Amino acid sequence: MRNSFSFSQNKNPKTPVDVLFYYSGSDDYARPVSVRWNDEEYNLGTVQFWHTEHRKGVLVHHYTVSDAVGDLTFELSMETDNLTWRLERVVSQDAS
């Protein structure tokens, strides 16, 4: 069985992070492929969940995606007006 818990390294969990993303013109979809957090690079797996919202007139994409190993799940957001990526939350998966 796997347990999950949330944690944040900073007092402000909506921390700007470096994200490498891939954009497909054929389906008009962008997806994150790696994230740099706490001076470490994480290759990302398949997007588990994605949705958008309008926040103060700006379209914001929200992604839930695990690292390639499956140890961490990142909740990321991207503001389309300036392509700013933010780390909303990180969840660690522990095998029990």
PDB file of N, CA and C in Angstrom:
ATOM      1  N   MET A   1       0.845  -1.180   0.000  1.00  0.00           N
ATOM      2  CA  MET A   1       0.000   0.000   0.000  1.00  0.00           C
ATOM      3  C   MET A   1       0.890   1.243   0.000  1.00  0.00           C
ATOM      4  N   ARG A   2       0.458   2.269  -0.680  1.00  0.00           N
ATOM      5  CA  ARG A   2       1.242   3.498  -0.750  1.00  0.00           C
ATOM      6  C   ARG A   2       0.546   4.591   0.030  1.00  0.00           C
ATOM      7  N   ASN A   3       1.309   5.311   0.779  1.00  0.00           N
ATOM      8  CA  ASN A   3       0.802   6.464   1.519  1.00  0.00           C
ATOM      9  C   ASN A   3       1.358   7.720   0.884  1.00  0.00           C
ATOM     10  N   SER A   4       0.626   8.802   0.996  1.00  0.00           N
ATOM     11  CA  SER A   4       1.142  10.062   0.472  1.00  0.00           C
ATOM     12  C   SER A   4       1.024  11.127   1.545  1.00  0.00           C
ATOM     13  N   PHE A   5       1.909  12.074   1.472  1.00  0.00           N
ATOM     14  CA  PHE A   5       1.828  13.220   2.357  1.00  0.00           C
ATOM     15  C   PHE A   5       2.346  14.434   1.615  1.00  0.00           C
ATOM     16  N   SER A   6       1.835  15.579   1.985  1.00  0.00           N
ATOM     17  CA  SER A   6       2.263  16.818   1.342  1.00  0.00           C
ATOM     18  C   SER A   6       3.334  17.488   2.180  1.00  0.00           C
ATOM     19  N   PHE A   7       4.235  18.152   1.520  1.00  0.00           N
ATOM     20  CA  PHE A   7       5.209  18.953   2.225  1.00  0.00           C
ATOM     21  C   PHE A   7       5.627  20.104   1.352  1.00  0.00           C
ATOM     22  N   SER A   8       6.144  21.121   1.989  1.00  0.00           N
ATOM     23  CA  SER A   8       6.604  22.287   1.251  1.00  0.00           C
ATOM     24  C   SER A   8       7.932  22.710   1.832  1.00  0.00           C
ATOM     25  N   GLN A   9       8.875  23.022   0.981  1.00  0.00           N
ATOM     26  CA  GLN A   9      10.185  23.465   1.434  1.00  0.00           C
ATOM     27  C   GLN A   9      10.176  24.933   1.834  1.00  0.00           C
ATOM     28  N   ASN A  10       9.252  25.691   1.293  1.00  0.00           N
ATOM     29  CA  ASN A  10       9.217  27.124   1.536  1.00  0.00           C
ATOM     30  C   ASN A  10       7.918  27.514   2.215  1.00  0.00           C
ATOM     31  N   LYS A  11       7.920  28.679   2.858  1.00  0.00           N
ATOM     32  CA  LYS A  11       6.689  29.171   3.466  1.00  0.00           C
ATOM     33  C   LYS A  11       5.652  29.498   2.390  1.00  0.00           C
ATOM     34  N   ASN A  12       6.109  29.911   1.222  1.00  0.00           N
ATOM     35  CA  ASN A  12       5.218  30.185   0.105  1.00  0.00           C
ATOM     36  C   ASN A  12       5.272  28.987  -0.840  1.00  0.00           C
ATOM     37  N   PRO A  13       4.246  28.120  -0.822  1.00  0.00           N
ATOM     38  CA  PRO A  13       4.304  26.920  -1.663  1.00  0.00           C
ATOM     39  C   PRO A  13       4.215  27.216  -3.153  1.00  0.00           C
ATOM     40  N   LYS A  14       3.758  28.397  -3.525  1.00  0.00           N
ATOM     41  CA  LYS A  14       3.651  28.732  -4.943  1.00  0.00           C
ATOM     42  C   LYS A  14       4.968  29.340  -5.416  1.00  0.00           C
ATOM     43  N   THR A  15       6.001  28.515  -5.398  1.00  0.00           N
ATOM     44  CA  THR A  15       7.353  28.930  -5.699  1.00  0.00           C
ATOM     45  C   THR A  15       7.614  28.884  -7.202  1.00  0.00           C
ATOM     46  N   PRO A  16       8.205  29.938  -7.766  1.00  0.00           N
ATOM     47  CA  PRO A  16       8.600  29.845  -9.176  1.00  0.00           C
ATOM     48  C   PRO A  16       9.640  28.739  -9.350  1.00  0.00           C
ATOM     49  N   VAL A  17       9.488  27.943 -10.407  1.00  0.00           N
ATOM     50  CA  VAL A  17      10.426  26.854 -10.684  1.00  0.00           C
ATOM     51  C   VAL A  17      10.779  26.869 -12.167  1.00  0.00           C
ATOM     52  N   ASP A  18      11.907  26.242 -12.485  1.00  0.00           N
ATOM     53  CA  ASP A  18      12.322  26.077 -13.866  1.00  0.00           C
ATOM     54  C   ASP A  18      11.658  24.822 -14.419  1.00  0.00           C
ATOM     55  N   VAL A  19      10.972  24.964 -15.540  1.00  0.00           N
ATOM     56  CA  VAL A  19      10.287  23.840 -16.165  1.00  0.00           C
ATOM     57  C   VAL A  19      10.650  23.806 -17.644  1.00  0.00           C
ATOM     58  N   LEU A  20      11.023  22.630 -18.107  1.00  0.00           N
ATOM     59  CA  LEU A  20      11.185  22.390 -19.532  1.00  0.00           C
ATOM     60  C   LEU A  20       9.890  21.746 -19.991  1.00  0.00           C
ATOM     61  N   PHE A  21       9.265  22.321 -21.033  1.00  0.00           N
ATOM     62  CA  PHE A  21       8.013  21.738 -21.488  1.00  0.00           C
ATOM     63  C   PHE A  21       8.024  21.538 -22.984  1.00  0.00           C
ATOM     64  N   TYR A  22       7.140  20.671 -23.429  1.00  0.00           N
ATOM     65  CA  TYR A  22       7.004  20.304 -24.826  1.00  0.00           C
ATOM     66  C   TYR A  22       5.660  20.796 -25.324  1.00  0.00           C
ATOM     67  N   TYR A  23       5.655  21.439 -26.469  1.00  0.00           N
ATOM     68  CA  TYR A  23       4.406  21.896 -27.063  1.00  0.00           C
ATOM     69  C   TYR A  23       4.180  21.152 -28.374  1.00  0.00           C
ATOM     70  N   SER A  24       3.005  20.568 -28.517  1.00  0.00           N
ATOM     71  CA  SER A  24       2.632  19.877 -29.741  1.00  0.00           C
ATOM     72  C   SER A  24       1.651  20.739 -30.520  1.00  0.00           C
ATOM     73  N   GLY A  25       2.042  21.160 -31.708  1.00  0.00           N
ATOM     74  CA  GLY A  25       1.165  21.959 -32.553  1.00  0.00           C
ATOM     75  C   GLY A  25       0.026  21.154 -33.140  1.00  0.00           C
ATOM     76  N   SER A  26       0.214  19.840 -33.258  1.00  0.00           N
ATOM     77  CA  SER A  26      -0.834  19.016 -33.856  1.00  0.00           C
ATOM     78  C   SER A  26      -2.066  18.896 -32.962  1.00  0.00           C
ATOM     79  N   ASP A  27      -1.853  18.882 -31.651  1.00  0.00           N
ATOM     80  CA  ASP A  27      -3.016  18.821 -30.749  1.00  0.00           C
ATOM     81  C   ASP A  27      -3.124  20.054 -29.853  1.00  0.00           C
ATOM     82  N   ASP A  28      -2.260  21.059 -30.116  1.00  0.00           N
ATOM     83  CA  ASP A  28      -2.313  22.326 -29.377  1.00  0.00           C
ATOM     84  C   ASP A  28      -2.234  22.115 -27.867  1.00  0.00           C
ATOM     85  N   TYR A  29      -1.262  21.294 -27.441  1.00  0.00           N
ATOM     86  CA  TYR A  29      -1.143  20.924 -26.031  1.00  0.00           C
ATOM     87  C   TYR A  29       0.304  21.053 -25.577  1.00  0.00           C
ATOM     88  N   ALA A  30       0.515  21.668 -24.425  1.00  0.00           N
ATOM     89  CA  ALA A  30       1.837  21.773 -23.815  1.00  0.00           C
ATOM     90  C   ALA A  30       1.877  20.877 -22.590  1.00  0.00           C
ATOM     91  N   ARG A  31       2.987  20.181 -22.396  1.00  0.00           N
ATOM     92  CA  ARG A  31       3.116  19.365 -21.203  1.00  0.00           C
ATOM     93  C   ARG A  31       4.522  19.490 -20.637  1.00  0.00           C
ATOM     94  N   PRO A  32       4.639  19.541 -19.304  1.00  0.00           N
ATOM     95  CA  PRO A  32       5.964  19.625 -18.684  1.00  0.00           C
ATOM     96  C   PRO A  32       6.701  18.298 -18.816  1.00  0.00           C
ATOM     97  N   VAL A  33       8.012  18.367 -19.103  1.00  0.00           N
ATOM     98  CA  VAL A  33       8.817  17.147 -19.221  1.00  0.00           C
ATOM     99  C   VAL A  33       9.907  17.064 -18.158  1.00  0.00           C
ATOM    100  N   SER A  34      10.286  18.206 -17.566  1.00  0.00           N
ATOM    101  CA  SER A  34      11.226  18.174 -16.436  1.00  0.00           C
ATOM    102  C   SER A  34      11.045  19.439 -15.598  1.00  0.00           C
ATOM    103  N   VAL A  35      11.390  19.311 -14.332  1.00  0.00           N
ATOM    104  CA  VAL A  35      11.293  20.438 -13.409  1.00  0.00           C
ATOM    105  C   VAL A  35      12.568  20.489 -12.571  1.00  0.00           C
ATOM    106  N   ARG A  36      13.048  21.690 -12.313  1.00  0.00           N
ATOM    107  CA  ARG A  36      14.207  21.890 -11.430  1.00  0.00           C
ATOM    108  C   ARG A  36      13.674  22.477 -10.134  1.00  0.00           C
ATOM    109  N   TRP A  37      13.853  21.716  -9.044  1.00  0.00           N
ATOM    110  CA  TRP A  37      13.335  22.104  -7.734  1.00  0.00           C
ATOM    111  C   TRP A  37      14.376  21.754  -6.681  1.00  0.00           C
ATOM    112  N   ASN A  38      14.651  22.676  -5.781  1.00  0.00           N
ATOM    113  CA  ASN A  38      15.660  22.477  -4.724  1.00  0.00           C
ATOM    114  C   ASN A  38      17.003  22.035  -5.301  1.00  0.00           C
ATOM    115  N   ASP A  39      17.418  22.692  -6.384  1.00  0.00           N
ATOM    116  CA  ASP A  39      18.695  22.419  -7.050  1.00  0.00           C
ATOM    117  C   ASP A  39      18.823  20.997  -7.583  1.00  0.00           C
ATOM    118  N   GLU A  40      17.689  20.323  -7.826  1.00  0.00           N
ATOM    119  CA  GLU A  40      17.696  19.003  -8.447  1.00  0.00           C
ATOM    120  C   GLU A  40      16.777  18.998  -9.651  1.00  0.00           C
ATOM    121  N   GLU A  41      17.188  18.257 -10.664  1.00  0.00           N
ATOM    122  CA  GLU A  41      16.401  18.121 -11.890  1.00  0.00           C
ATOM    123  C   GLU A  41      15.601  16.826 -11.814  1.00  0.00           C
ATOM    124  N   TYR A  42      14.301  16.919 -12.104  1.00  0.00           N
ATOM    125  CA  TYR A  42      13.423  15.755 -12.090  1.00  0.00           C
ATOM    126  C   TYR A  42      12.821  15.576 -13.481  1.00  0.00           C
ATOM    127  N   ASN A  43      13.075  14.421 -14.092  1.00  0.00           N
ATOM    128  CA  ASN A  43      12.393  14.080 -15.332  1.00  0.00           C
ATOM    129  C   ASN A  43      10.976  13.682 -14.968  1.00  0.00           C
ATOM    130  N   LEU A  44      10.017  14.132 -15.753  1.00  0.00           N
ATOM    131  CA  LEU A  44       8.618  13.893 -15.434  1.00  0.00           C
ATOM    132  C   LEU A  44       8.019  12.820 -16.330  1.00  0.00           C
ATOM    133  N   GLY A  45       7.023  12.134 -15.775  1.00  0.00           N
ATOM    134  CA  GLY A  45       6.302  11.111 -16.523  1.00  0.00           C
ATOM    135  C   GLY A  45       5.064  11.707 -17.170  1.00  0.00           C
ATOM    136  N   THR A  46       4.072  10.858 -17.359  1.00  0.00           N
ATOM    137  CA  THR A  46       2.827  11.251 -18.004  1.00  0.00           C
ATOM    138  C   THR A  46       2.016  12.192 -17.112  1.00  0.00           C
ATOM    139  N   VAL A  47       1.370  13.154 -17.723  1.00  0.00           N
ATOM    140  CA  VAL A  47       0.488  14.067 -16.985  1.00  0.00           C
ATOM    141  C   VAL A  47      -0.706  13.261 -16.474  1.00  0.00           C
ATOM    142  N   GLN A  48      -0.951  13.338 -15.160  1.00  0.00           N
ATOM    143  CA  GLN A  48      -2.055  12.605 -14.543  1.00  0.00           C
ATOM    144  C   GLN A  48      -3.360  13.392 -14.606  1.00  0.00           C
ATOM    145  N   PHE A  49      -3.245  14.710 -14.490  1.00  0.00           N
ATOM    146  CA  PHE A  49      -4.430  15.552 -14.476  1.00  0.00           C
ATOM    147  C   PHE A  49      -4.044  16.919 -15.010  1.00  0.00           C
ATOM    148  N   TRP A  50      -4.958  17.535 -15.737  1.00  0.00           N
ATOM    149  CA  TRP A  50      -4.716  18.862 -16.299  1.00  0.00           C
ATOM    150  C   TRP A  50      -6.038  19.610 -16.363  1.00  0.00           C
ATOM    151  N   HIS A  51      -6.024  20.879 -15.968  1.00  0.00           N
ATOM    152  CA  HIS A  51      -7.197  21.733 -16.128  1.00  0.00           C
ATOM    153  C   HIS A  51      -6.736  23.185 -16.230  1.00  0.00           C
ATOM    154  N   THR A  52      -7.650  24.040 -16.667  1.00  0.00           N
ATOM    155  CA  THR A  52      -7.332  25.456 -16.792  1.00  0.00           C
ATOM    156  C   THR A  52      -8.307  26.279 -15.971  1.00  0.00           C
ATOM    157  N   GLU A  53      -7.899  27.497 -15.671  1.00  0.00           N
ATOM    158  CA  GLU A  53      -8.770  28.467 -15.015  1.00  0.00           C
ATOM    159  C   GLU A  53      -8.365  29.853 -15.487  1.00  0.00           C
ATOM    160  N   HIS A  54      -9.276  30.788 -15.365  1.00  0.00           N
ATOM    161  CA  HIS A  54      -8.968  32.193 -15.622  1.00  0.00           C
ATOM    162  C   HIS A  54      -8.783  32.863 -14.267  1.00  0.00           C
ATOM    163  N   ARG A  55      -7.585  33.394 -14.046  1.00  0.00           N
ATOM    164  CA  ARG A  55      -7.267  34.060 -12.778  1.00  0.00           C
ATOM    165  C   ARG A  55      -6.886  35.500 -13.087  1.00  0.00           C
ATOM    166  N   LYS A  56      -7.750  36.428 -12.675  1.00  0.00           N
ATOM    167  CA  LYS A  56      -7.518  37.863 -12.911  1.00  0.00           C
ATOM    168  C   LYS A  56      -7.243  38.141 -14.384  1.00  0.00           C
ATOM    169  N   GLY A  57      -8.035  37.520 -15.250  1.00  0.00           N
ATOM    170  CA  GLY A  57      -7.915  37.757 -16.674  1.00  0.00           C
ATOM    171  C   GLY A  57      -6.800  36.990 -17.367  1.00  0.00           C
ATOM    172  N   VAL A  58      -6.100  36.138 -16.641  1.00  0.00           N
ATOM    173  CA  VAL A  58      -4.998  35.373 -17.219  1.00  0.00           C
ATOM    174  C   VAL A  58      -5.388  33.895 -17.234  1.00  0.00           C
ATOM    175  N   LEU A  59      -5.152  33.233 -18.369  1.00  0.00           N
ATOM    176  CA  LEU A  59      -5.386  31.797 -18.464  1.00  0.00           C
ATOM    177  C   LEU A  59      -4.247  31.057 -17.769  1.00  0.00           C
ATOM    178  N   VAL A  60      -4.592  30.197 -16.800  1.00  0.00           N
ATOM    179  CA  VAL A  60      -3.601  29.438 -16.035  1.00  0.00           C
ATOM    180  C   VAL A  60      -3.865  27.950 -16.252  1.00  0.00           C
ATOM    181  N   HIS A  61      -2.811  27.237 -16.639  1.00  0.00           N
ATOM    182  CA  HIS A  61      -2.887  25.783 -16.799  1.00  0.00           C
ATOM    183  C   HIS A  61      -2.360  25.134 -15.521  1.00  0.00           C
ATOM    184  N   HIS A  62      -3.068  24.111 -15.048  1.00  0.00           N
ATOM    185  CA  HIS A  62      -2.655  23.367 -13.853  1.00  0.00           C
ATOM    186  C   HIS A  62      -2.362  21.925 -14.259  1.00  0.00           C
ATOM    187  N   TYR A  63      -1.219  21.415 -13.822  1.00  0.00           N
ATOM    188  CA  TYR A  63      -0.791  20.061 -14.148  1.00  0.00           C
ATOM    189  C   TYR A  63      -0.491  19.288 -12.862  1.00  0.00           C
ATOM    190  N   THR A  64      -0.885  18.036 -12.847  1.00  0.00           N
ATOM    191  CA  THR A  64      -0.450  17.094 -11.816  1.00  0.00           C
ATOM    192  C   THR A  64       0.334  16.025 -12.550  1.00  0.00           C
ATOM    193  N   VAL A  65       1.604  15.875 -12.191  1.00  0.00           N
ATOM    194  CA  VAL A  65       2.490  14.948 -12.901  1.00  0.00           C
ATOM    195  C   VAL A  65       3.533  14.397 -11.930  1.00  0.00           C
ATOM    196  N   SER A  66       3.819  13.106 -12.041  1.00  0.00           N
ATOM    197  CA  SER A  66       4.833  12.472 -11.194  1.00  0.00           C
ATOM    198  C   SER A  66       6.192  12.540 -11.853  1.00  0.00           C
ATOM    199  N   ASP A  67       7.219  12.394 -11.032  1.00  0.00           N
ATOM    200  CA  ASP A  67       8.546  12.254 -11.617  1.00  0.00           C
ATOM    201  C   ASP A  67       8.607  10.902 -12.326  1.00  0.00           C
ATOM    202  N   ALA A  68       9.615  10.706 -13.159  1.00  0.00           N
ATOM    203  CA  ALA A  68       9.709   9.492 -13.972  1.00  0.00           C
ATOM    204  C   ALA A  68       9.810   8.226 -13.124  1.00  0.00           C
ATOM    205  N   VAL A  69      10.335   8.340 -11.907  1.00  0.00           N
ATOM    206  CA  VAL A  69      10.493   7.192 -11.021  1.00  0.00           C
ATOM    207  C   VAL A  69       9.201   6.888 -10.260  1.00  0.00           C
ATOM    208  N   GLY A  70       8.372   7.902 -10.050  1.00  0.00           N
ATOM    209  CA  GLY A  70       7.125   7.724  -9.310  1.00  0.00           C
ATOM    210  C   GLY A  70       7.241   8.012  -7.829  1.00  0.00           C
ATOM    211  N   ASP A  71       8.353   8.614  -7.404  1.00  0.00           N
ATOM    212  CA  ASP A  71       8.545   8.932  -5.983  1.00  0.00           C
ATOM    213  C   ASP A  71       7.845  10.215  -5.566  1.00  0.00           C
ATOM    214  N   LEU A  72       7.776  11.184  -6.471  1.00  0.00           N
ATOM    215  CA  LEU A  72       7.188  12.487  -6.166  1.00  0.00           C
ATOM    216  C   LEU A  72       6.112  12.844  -7.188  1.00  0.00           C
ATOM    217  N   THR A  73       5.080  13.519  -6.729  1.00  0.00           N
ATOM    218  CA  THR A  73       4.061  14.067  -7.614  1.00  0.00           C
ATOM    219  C   THR A  73       4.091  15.577  -7.470  1.00  0.00           C
ATOM    220  N   PHE A  74       4.204  16.259  -8.593  1.00  0.00           N
ATOM    221  CA  PHE A  74       4.278  17.709  -8.615  1.00  0.00           C
ATOM    222  C   PHE A  74       2.957  18.281  -9.096  1.00  0.00           C
ATOM    223  N   GLU A  75       2.485  19.302  -8.409  1.00  0.00           N
ATOM    224  CA  GLU A  75       1.358  20.090  -8.881  1.00  0.00           C
ATOM    225  C   GLU A  75       1.943  21.418  -9.337  1.00  0.00           C
ATOM    226  N   LEU A  76       1.873  21.649 -10.641  1.00  0.00           N
ATOM    227  CA  LEU A  76       2.482  22.812 -11.270  1.00  0.00           C
ATOM    228  C   LEU A  76       1.410  23.674 -11.916  1.00  0.00           C
ATOM    229  N   SER A  77       1.682  24.968 -11.998  1.00  0.00           N
ATOM    230  CA  SER A  77       0.796  25.861 -12.742  1.00  0.00           C
ATOM    231  C   SER A  77       1.640  26.710 -13.674  1.00  0.00           C
ATOM    232  N   MET A  78       1.027  27.080 -14.822  1.00  0.00           N
ATOM    233  CA  MET A  78       1.709  27.904 -15.799  1.00  0.00           C
ATOM    234  C   MET A  78       0.775  29.019 -16.246  1.00  0.00           C
ATOM    235  N   GLU A  79       1.233  30.266 -16.063  1.00  0.00           N
ATOM    236  CA  GLU A  79       0.465  31.435 -16.499  1.00  0.00           C
ATOM    237  C   GLU A  79       0.798  31.704 -17.965  1.00  0.00           C
ATOM    238  N   THR A  80      -0.239  31.756 -18.810  1.00  0.00           N
ATOM    239  CA  THR A  80      -0.003  31.876 -20.244  1.00  0.00           C
ATOM    240  C   THR A  80       0.446  33.260 -20.697  1.00  0.00           C
ATOM    241  N   ASP A  81       0.190  34.290 -19.897  1.00  0.00           N
ATOM    242  CA  ASP A  81       0.578  35.635 -20.339  1.00  0.00           C
ATOM    243  C   ASP A  81       2.082  35.847 -20.325  1.00  0.00           C
ATOM    244  N   ASN A  82       2.805  35.132 -19.450  1.00  0.00           N
ATOM    245  CA  ASN A  82       4.254  35.311 -19.375  1.00  0.00           C
ATOM    246  C   ASN A  82       5.024  33.991 -19.264  1.00  0.00           C
ATOM    247  N   LEU A  83       4.318  32.853 -19.388  1.00  0.00           N
ATOM    248  CA  LEU A  83       4.900  31.507 -19.296  1.00  0.00           C
ATOM    249  C   LEU A  83       5.636  31.267 -17.977  1.00  0.00           C
ATOM    250  N   THR A  84       5.128  31.853 -16.902  1.00  0.00           N
ATOM    251  CA  THR A  84       5.684  31.641 -15.570  1.00  0.00           C
ATOM    252  C   THR A  84       5.149  30.341 -14.997  1.00  0.00           C
ATOM    253  N   TRP A  85       6.070  29.473 -14.570  1.00  0.00           N
ATOM    254  CA  TRP A  85       5.703  28.205 -13.928  1.00  0.00           C
ATOM    255  C   TRP A  85       5.859  28.343 -12.424  1.00  0.00           C
ATOM    256  N   ARG A  86       4.918  27.758 -11.684  1.00  0.00           N
ATOM    257  CA  ARG A  86       4.970  27.774 -10.223  1.00  0.00           C
ATOM    258  C   ARG A  86       4.713  26.379  -9.683  1.00  0.00           C
ATOM    259  N   LEU A  87       5.414  26.076  -8.612  1.00  0.00           N
ATOM    260  CA  LEU A  87       5.204  24.825  -7.895  1.00  0.00           C
ATOM    261  C   LEU A  87       4.125  25.072  -6.852  1.00  0.00           C
ATOM    262  N   GLU A  88       2.992  24.417  -7.014  1.00  0.00           N
ATOM    263  CA  GLU A  88       1.871  24.575  -6.085  1.00  0.00           C
ATOM    264  C   GLU A  88       2.007  23.642  -4.888  1.00  0.00           C
ATOM    265  N   ARG A  89       2.440  22.393  -5.177  1.00  0.00           N
ATOM    266  CA  ARG A  89       2.542  21.399  -4.111  1.00  0.00           C
ATOM    267  C   ARG A  89       3.375  20.225  -4.603  1.00  0.00           C
ATOM    268  N   VAL A  90       4.047  19.550  -3.663  1.00  0.00           N
ATOM    269  CA  VAL A  90       4.779  18.331  -3.944  1.00  0.00           C
ATOM    270  C   VAL A  90       4.274  17.264  -2.994  1.00  0.00           C
ATOM    271  N   VAL A  91       4.006  16.078  -3.537  1.00  0.00           N
ATOM    272  CA  VAL A  91       3.546  14.957  -2.712  1.00  0.00           C
ATOM    273  C   VAL A  91       4.560  13.849  -2.880  1.00  0.00           C
ATOM    274  N   SER A  92       5.023  13.301  -1.748  1.00  0.00           N
ATOM    275  CA  SER A  92       5.970  12.201  -1.744  1.00  0.00           C
ATOM    276  C   SER A  92       5.235  10.892  -1.525  1.00  0.00           C
ATOM    277  N   GLN A  93       5.574   9.877  -2.330  1.00  0.00           N
ATOM    278  CA  GLN A  93       4.962   8.560  -2.211  1.00  0.00           C
ATOM    279  C   GLN A  93       5.922   7.648  -1.448  1.00  0.00           C
ATOM    280  N   ASP A  94       5.468   7.114  -0.329  1.00  0.00           N
ATOM    281  CA  ASP A  94       6.270   6.187   0.470  1.00  0.00           C
ATOM    282  C   ASP A  94       5.637   4.815   0.413  1.00  0.00           C
ATOM    283  N   ALA A  95       6.426   3.813   0.147  1.00  0.00           N
ATOM    284  CA  ALA A  95       5.921   2.432   0.203  1.00  0.00           C
ATOM    285  C   ALA A  95       5.889   2.000   1.662  1.00  0.00           C
ATOM    286  N   SER A  96       4.778   1.467   2.075  1.00  0.00           N
ATOM    287  CA  SER A  96       4.654   1.014   3.470  1.00  0.00           C
ATOM    288  C   SER A  96       4.571  -0.481   3.534  1.00  0.00           C
TER     289      SER A  96
END
